[in-house]
C-alpha cells in the first residue's frame, strides 16, 4: 500500500503544480478580453483602425511590393506548434483582429 500512497501524493502534487498556472493563465486571458471589449472599445473606432491598416498597405506599396504581406500576429498566438518562419520574410501588417466588428 505504500506504492499507492506515493502515487496518490505524487498525483496531488503534480495536479497542484499544473492547476495553479492554468488558473492564473485563464484569469489573465479573461481580464485581457474584458479590457479589450469593455474598456478599450471606445478608444478607436472601426474607421480609425481601417485607416491604420490602409496606411500600412500604402507603405508596402511605396516600398515596391517586393515582399508578400501577412498579419503581424505573433507566432505564439498561432494554433500550430511549429515555428512560423515565413513571417520573417513577409511585410507585416498590424491588424487588430480582436475587434473586427464594432
Foldseek 3Di string as FASTA:
>chain_A
DVVVVVVVVVVVVVCVVPPVVVVVVVVVVVVVLCCVVPVCVPVDDLVRLVVLQVVLVVVCVVVPVPFAEDAPPDPVPDPDPDDDDNVVGHRHGHHPPSPNDD
